[in-house]
Amino acid sequence: MKKVSLIWSLVCFVSCFSVEKKTEVKAVYDELALTQFVQLSATQNQETSLRLSDSAMTVASNDSTVFHKTINYLAKIYSNPNSSFRNEVFYDKILKAQMDSKWYTAMDKQEVLYRLHLLHQNDVGDLANDFEYRTPGGQKNSMFNLEADYLLLFFYNPECEACKEMTQALKHSSFIEKVTATGRLKIFCVYTDMDLSAWYRHLHEYPSLWIQGRDQDEYLYKHDIYDLRAIPTLYLLNRNKKVILKDCIAVEELERNIH
């Protein structure tokens, strides 16, 4: 039985595979090879990696146990907010493979549909979901009422270490400071938790030009209009409130997309 290319061997799950001879495929679970595939997919052409991923899912689907293990492993890597390999395009493929699989029940697929719904909230190019917020003074306002060439939504908690790091990175960017000072960029900090004393206690730590608001009664979490599984979460919107960057984690990327 003929072994195939190195790239395909990283996709694995297969004891042997021949496209030309249509050799019977046997699915096996190989976590080391999966890890290697994930690492390789981060450096290869995405179209090629997605094609290999589709083939891998097809092979894995020949065996219920292999398919479930493969899905669970890849989903954790591609969807975990703290994963350096987080990738919504690959995660979307995984969820759709679950929807098409005979190994998942109708109840299982309801949960998958929910994840797909959340994944595709506020996709790049889409109109962002509007929401109401409360100012530190208690006034009610709407995100859509904030007008600027660019609006940065910064969902945060001031006592979260990763949020503190992002705050400092934004503060120390001379470019962000300049476009904020001219009014072309507005930074809207949205406090997403319920401990108001913690929020008020830290308000003075943020630049005066940054807009502060808080979610009311966990509306954002309860209605799933933004994916806030991890904070900080940042979205860059244009003047028309269309999404330019989704779940951005690098100030350098923000700078490149503000013209």
Protein backbone atom coordinates (compact mmCIF):
# COMPACT_ATOMS: atom_id res chain seq x y z
CA MET A 1 0.00 0.00 0.00
CA LYS A 2 1.43 3.31 -1.11
CA LYS A 3 2.05 6.13 1.34
CA VAL A 4 1.15 9.63 0.16
CA SER A 5 2.79 13.04 0.52
CA LEU A 6 4.17 14.45 3.75
CA ILE A 7 1.39 17.04 3.94
CA TRP A 8 -1.29 14.38 3.66
CA SER A 9 0.47 12.24 6.26
CA LEU A 10 0.09 15.17 8.64
CA VAL A 11 -3.64 15.19 8.01
CA CYS A 12 -3.40 11.49 8.82
CA PHE A 13 -6.19 9.35 10.29
CA VAL A 14 -5.33 7.02 7.43
CA SER A 15 -3.33 3.83 7.42
CA CYS A 16 -3.10 4.11 3.64
CA PHE A 17 -4.67 6.18 0.91
CA SER A 18 -4.29 6.34 -2.86
CA VAL A 19 -6.28 8.86 -4.87
CA GLU A 20 -5.49 7.16 -8.16
CA LYS A 21 -6.36 3.61 -7.07
CA LYS A 22 -9.21 4.60 -4.77
CA THR A 23 -7.76 2.33 -2.09
CA GLU A 24 -10.08 1.65 0.82
CA VAL A 25 -9.50 4.17 3.58
CA LYS A 26 -9.21 3.12 7.18
CA ALA A 27 -9.65 5.85 9.77
CA VAL A 28 -7.32 5.91 12.75
CA TYR A 29 -6.85 8.57 15.40
CA ASP A 30 -3.37 10.09 15.58
CA GLU A 31 -3.18 13.13 17.86
CA LEU A 32 0.50 13.81 17.17
CA ALA A 33 -0.16 14.02 13.44
CA LEU A 34 -3.18 16.24 14.10
CA THR A 35 -0.98 18.60 16.08
CA GLN A 36 1.52 18.67 13.24
CA PHE A 37 -1.27 19.42 10.77
CA VAL A 38 -2.51 22.32 12.88
CA GLN A 39 0.99 23.77 13.06
CA LEU A 40 1.49 23.32 9.32
CA SER A 41 -1.90 24.80 8.45
CA ALA A 42 -0.88 28.03 10.15
CA THR A 43 1.96 28.52 7.68
CA GLN A 44 0.49 27.06 4.47
CA ASN A 45 -1.89 28.52 1.91
CA GLN A 46 -5.29 28.53 3.64
CA GLU A 47 -7.15 27.20 0.61
CA THR A 48 -4.85 24.18 0.45
CA SER A 49 -5.12 23.59 4.21
CA LEU A 50 -8.92 23.80 4.07
CA ARG A 51 -9.02 21.30 1.24
CA LEU A 52 -6.86 18.90 3.25
CA SER A 53 -9.03 19.51 6.29
CA ASP A 54 -12.14 18.56 4.28
CA SER A 55 -10.45 15.36 3.15
CA ALA A 56 -9.42 14.59 6.71
CA MET A 57 -12.98 15.02 7.95
CA THR A 58 -14.24 12.72 5.20
CA VAL A 59 -11.75 10.02 6.18
CA ALA A 60 -12.39 10.43 9.90
CA SER A 61 -16.16 10.16 9.34
CA ASN A 62 -15.72 6.47 8.47
CA ASP A 63 -15.46 5.69 12.17
CA SER A 64 -17.62 7.20 14.92
CA THR A 65 -14.92 7.18 17.61
CA VAL A 66 -12.24 8.61 15.33
CA PHE A 67 -14.59 11.30 14.06
CA HIS A 68 -15.64 12.43 17.55
CA LYS A 69 -12.06 12.49 18.84
CA THR A 70 -10.85 14.37 15.78
CA ILE A 71 -13.66 16.92 15.94
CA ASN A 72 -13.19 17.50 19.67
CA TYR A 73 -9.43 17.96 19.33
CA LEU A 74 -9.57 20.36 16.39
CA ALA A 75 -12.54 22.31 17.74
CA LYS A 76 -10.68 22.99 20.97
CA ILE A 77 -7.66 24.32 19.09
CA TYR A 78 -9.50 26.38 16.48
CA SER A 79 -12.21 27.84 18.75
CA ASN A 80 -10.49 28.40 22.09
CA PRO A 81 -10.08 32.19 22.55
CA ASN A 82 -6.71 31.59 24.21
CA SER A 83 -5.36 29.32 21.48
CA SER A 84 -2.61 30.74 19.30
CA PHE A 85 -4.11 28.72 16.42
CA ARG A 86 -7.64 30.08 16.82
CA ASN A 87 -9.18 30.29 13.35
CA GLU A 88 -12.86 30.95 12.64
CA VAL A 89 -12.66 29.65 9.08
CA PHE A 90 -11.38 26.25 10.21
CA TYR A 91 -13.81 26.19 13.14
CA ASP A 92 -16.69 26.87 10.76
CA LYS A 93 -15.60 23.86 8.68
CA ILE A 94 -15.55 21.67 11.79
CA LEU A 95 -19.03 22.73 12.87
CA LYS A 96 -20.42 22.12 9.38
CA ALA A 97 -18.79 18.68 9.35
CA GLN A 98 -20.67 17.94 12.58
CA MET A 99 -23.93 19.11 11.02
CA ASP A 100 -23.39 16.77 8.06
CA SER A 101 -22.34 13.80 10.16
CA LYS A 102 -24.47 10.74 10.81
CA TRP A 103 -22.67 10.30 14.12
CA TYR A 104 -24.44 13.26 15.78
CA THR A 105 -28.01 13.24 17.06
CA ALA A 106 -30.62 15.89 16.33
CA MET A 107 -30.08 17.22 19.86
CA ASP A 108 -26.32 17.38 19.30
CA LYS A 109 -26.88 19.34 16.12
CA GLN A 110 -29.03 21.90 17.91
CA GLU A 111 -25.98 22.77 20.01
CA VAL A 112 -23.84 22.92 16.86
CA LEU A 113 -26.36 25.30 15.26
CA TYR A 114 -26.12 27.55 18.31
CA ARG A 115 -22.31 27.62 17.98
CA LEU A 116 -22.58 28.44 14.28
CA HIS A 117 -25.00 31.25 15.07
CA LEU A 118 -22.64 32.74 17.65
CA LEU A 119 -19.59 32.26 15.42
CA HIS A 120 -21.12 34.30 12.62
CA GLN A 121 -22.31 37.24 14.67
CA ASN A 122 -20.63 40.45 13.46
CA ASP A 123 -18.59 38.88 10.67
CA VAL A 124 -16.18 41.16 8.82
CA GLY A 125 -18.14 43.20 6.28
CA ASP A 126 -21.44 42.82 8.14
CA LEU A 127 -23.32 45.55 9.95
CA ALA A 128 -22.43 45.21 13.64
CA ASN A 129 -25.20 44.43 16.10
CA ASP A 130 -26.38 47.50 17.95
CA PHE A 131 -26.91 47.45 21.73
CA GLU A 132 -27.83 49.82 24.52
CA TYR A 133 -25.46 50.71 27.31
CA ARG A 134 -25.35 52.80 30.47
CA THR A 135 -22.86 55.58 30.98
CA PRO A 136 -21.07 56.01 34.34
CA GLY A 137 -23.67 58.67 35.12
CA GLY A 138 -26.51 56.22 34.50
CA GLN A 139 -27.73 57.60 31.17
CA LYS A 140 -28.92 55.15 28.53
CA ASN A 141 -27.44 55.32 25.05
CA SER A 142 -27.05 53.23 21.91
CA MET A 143 -23.78 52.12 20.35
CA PHE A 144 -25.08 53.27 16.95
CA ASN A 145 -25.29 56.83 18.28
CA LEU A 146 -21.51 57.02 18.57
CA GLU A 147 -20.23 58.72 15.43
CA ALA A 148 -16.67 58.66 14.11
CA ASP A 149 -14.77 57.48 11.05
CA TYR A 150 -13.74 54.48 13.12
CA LEU A 151 -15.22 53.02 16.29
CA LEU A 152 -13.28 50.53 18.39
CA LEU A 153 -15.45 48.34 20.59
CA PHE A 154 -13.36 47.21 23.55
CA PHE A 155 -15.27 44.66 25.64
CA TYR A 156 -13.35 44.39 28.88
CA ASN A 157 -13.12 44.02 32.64
CA PRO A 158 -10.60 46.40 34.28
CA GLU A 159 -9.42 43.69 36.66
CA CYS A 160 -8.71 41.15 33.91
CA GLU A 161 -4.94 40.85 33.32
CA ALA A 162 -5.26 40.43 29.55
CA CYS A 163 -7.53 43.49 29.48
CA LYS A 164 -4.93 45.50 31.40
CA GLU A 165 -2.29 44.49 28.86
CA MET A 166 -4.51 45.53 25.94
CA THR A 167 -5.32 48.83 27.66
CA GLN A 168 -1.63 49.60 28.03
CA ALA A 169 -0.91 48.62 24.44
CA LEU A 170 -3.60 51.00 23.19
CA LYS A 171 -2.40 53.78 25.49
CA HIS A 172 1.20 53.41 24.32
CA SER A 173 0.38 53.52 20.61
CA SER A 174 1.23 57.01 19.37
CA PHE A 175 -0.86 56.36 16.26
CA ILE A 176 -3.96 55.37 18.25
CA GLU A 177 -3.46 58.40 20.50
CA LYS A 178 -3.23 60.72 17.46
CA VAL A 179 -6.33 59.47 15.63
CA THR A 180 -8.29 59.48 18.90
CA ALA A 181 -7.25 63.07 19.61
CA THR A 182 -8.46 64.17 16.16
CA GLY A 183 -11.80 62.44 16.69
CA ARG A 184 -11.41 60.11 13.72
CA LEU A 185 -11.28 57.15 16.09
CA LYS A 186 -13.49 56.67 19.13
CA ILE A 187 -12.63 53.98 21.64
CA PHE A 188 -15.72 52.62 23.36
CA CYS A 189 -14.93 50.55 26.47
CA VAL A 190 -17.82 48.23 27.29
CA TYR A 191 -17.82 46.73 30.79
CA THR A 192 -19.51 43.33 30.53
CA ASP A 193 -19.72 42.16 34.16
CA MET A 194 -22.09 42.89 37.05
CA ASP A 195 -19.78 44.22 39.78
CA LEU A 196 -20.37 47.94 39.34
CA SER A 197 -18.11 48.89 42.25
CA ALA A 198 -15.15 47.32 40.42
CA TRP A 199 -16.05 49.24 37.26
CA TYR A 200 -16.35 52.61 39.02
CA ARG A 201 -13.18 51.98 40.98
CA HIS A 202 -11.07 51.80 37.80
CA LEU A 203 -12.70 54.43 35.57
CA HIS A 204 -10.03 57.02 36.37
CA GLU A 205 -7.34 54.76 34.89
CA TYR A 206 -8.57 55.28 31.32
CA PRO A 207 -7.94 58.26 29.03
CA SER A 208 -10.66 60.89 29.20
CA LEU A 209 -11.33 60.65 25.47
CA TRP A 210 -12.23 56.97 25.75
CA ILE A 211 -15.98 56.42 26.09
CA GLN A 212 -17.05 54.28 29.02
CA GLY A 213 -20.24 52.23 29.13
CA ARG A 214 -21.57 49.12 30.79
CA ASP A 215 -23.78 46.32 29.61
CA GLN A 216 -27.18 46.37 31.28
CA ASP A 217 -28.18 43.16 33.12
CA GLU A 218 -25.89 40.96 30.97
CA TYR A 219 -27.94 41.69 27.86
CA LEU A 220 -24.99 40.89 25.56
CA TYR A 221 -24.45 37.47 27.10
CA LYS A 222 -28.13 36.58 27.30
CA HIS A 223 -28.89 37.52 23.69
CA ASP A 224 -25.69 36.21 22.07
CA ILE A 225 -25.24 39.19 19.78
CA TYR A 226 -21.47 39.26 20.39
CA ASP A 227 -19.18 36.31 21.04
CA LEU A 228 -17.77 37.22 24.44
CA ARG A 229 -16.42 33.87 25.59
CA ALA A 230 -13.17 35.62 26.41
CA ILE A 231 -12.14 39.16 27.15
CA PRO A 232 -10.74 41.41 26.01
CA THR A 233 -12.64 41.26 22.73
CA LEU A 234 -12.16 44.05 20.20
CA TYR A 235 -14.06 45.00 17.04
CA LEU A 236 -13.13 47.80 14.69
CA LEU A 237 -16.10 49.37 12.89
CA ASN A 238 -16.26 51.95 10.11
CA ARG A 239 -18.47 55.06 10.07
CA ASN A 240 -21.44 53.00 8.89
CA LYS A 241 -20.93 50.50 11.74
CA LYS A 242 -19.75 47.75 9.43
CA VAL A 243 -17.14 45.39 10.87
CA ILE A 244 -13.58 45.94 9.64
CA LEU A 245 -11.82 43.73 12.21
CA LYS A 246 -13.41 41.05 14.36
CA ASP A 247 -11.94 39.81 17.63
CA CYS A 248 -8.71 41.70 17.00
CA ILE A 249 -5.89 41.02 19.47
CA ALA A 250 -3.05 43.13 18.06
CA VAL A 251 -2.76 46.92 18.17
CA GLU A 252 -0.54 46.74 15.08
CA GLU A 253 -3.45 45.24 13.15
CA LEU A 254 -5.70 48.08 14.28
CA GLU A 255 -3.14 50.62 13.12
CA ARG A 256 -2.91 48.99 9.67
CA ASN A 257 -6.68 49.22 9.18
CA ILE A 258 -7.19 52.84 10.19
CA HIS A 259 -6.43 55.10 7.24
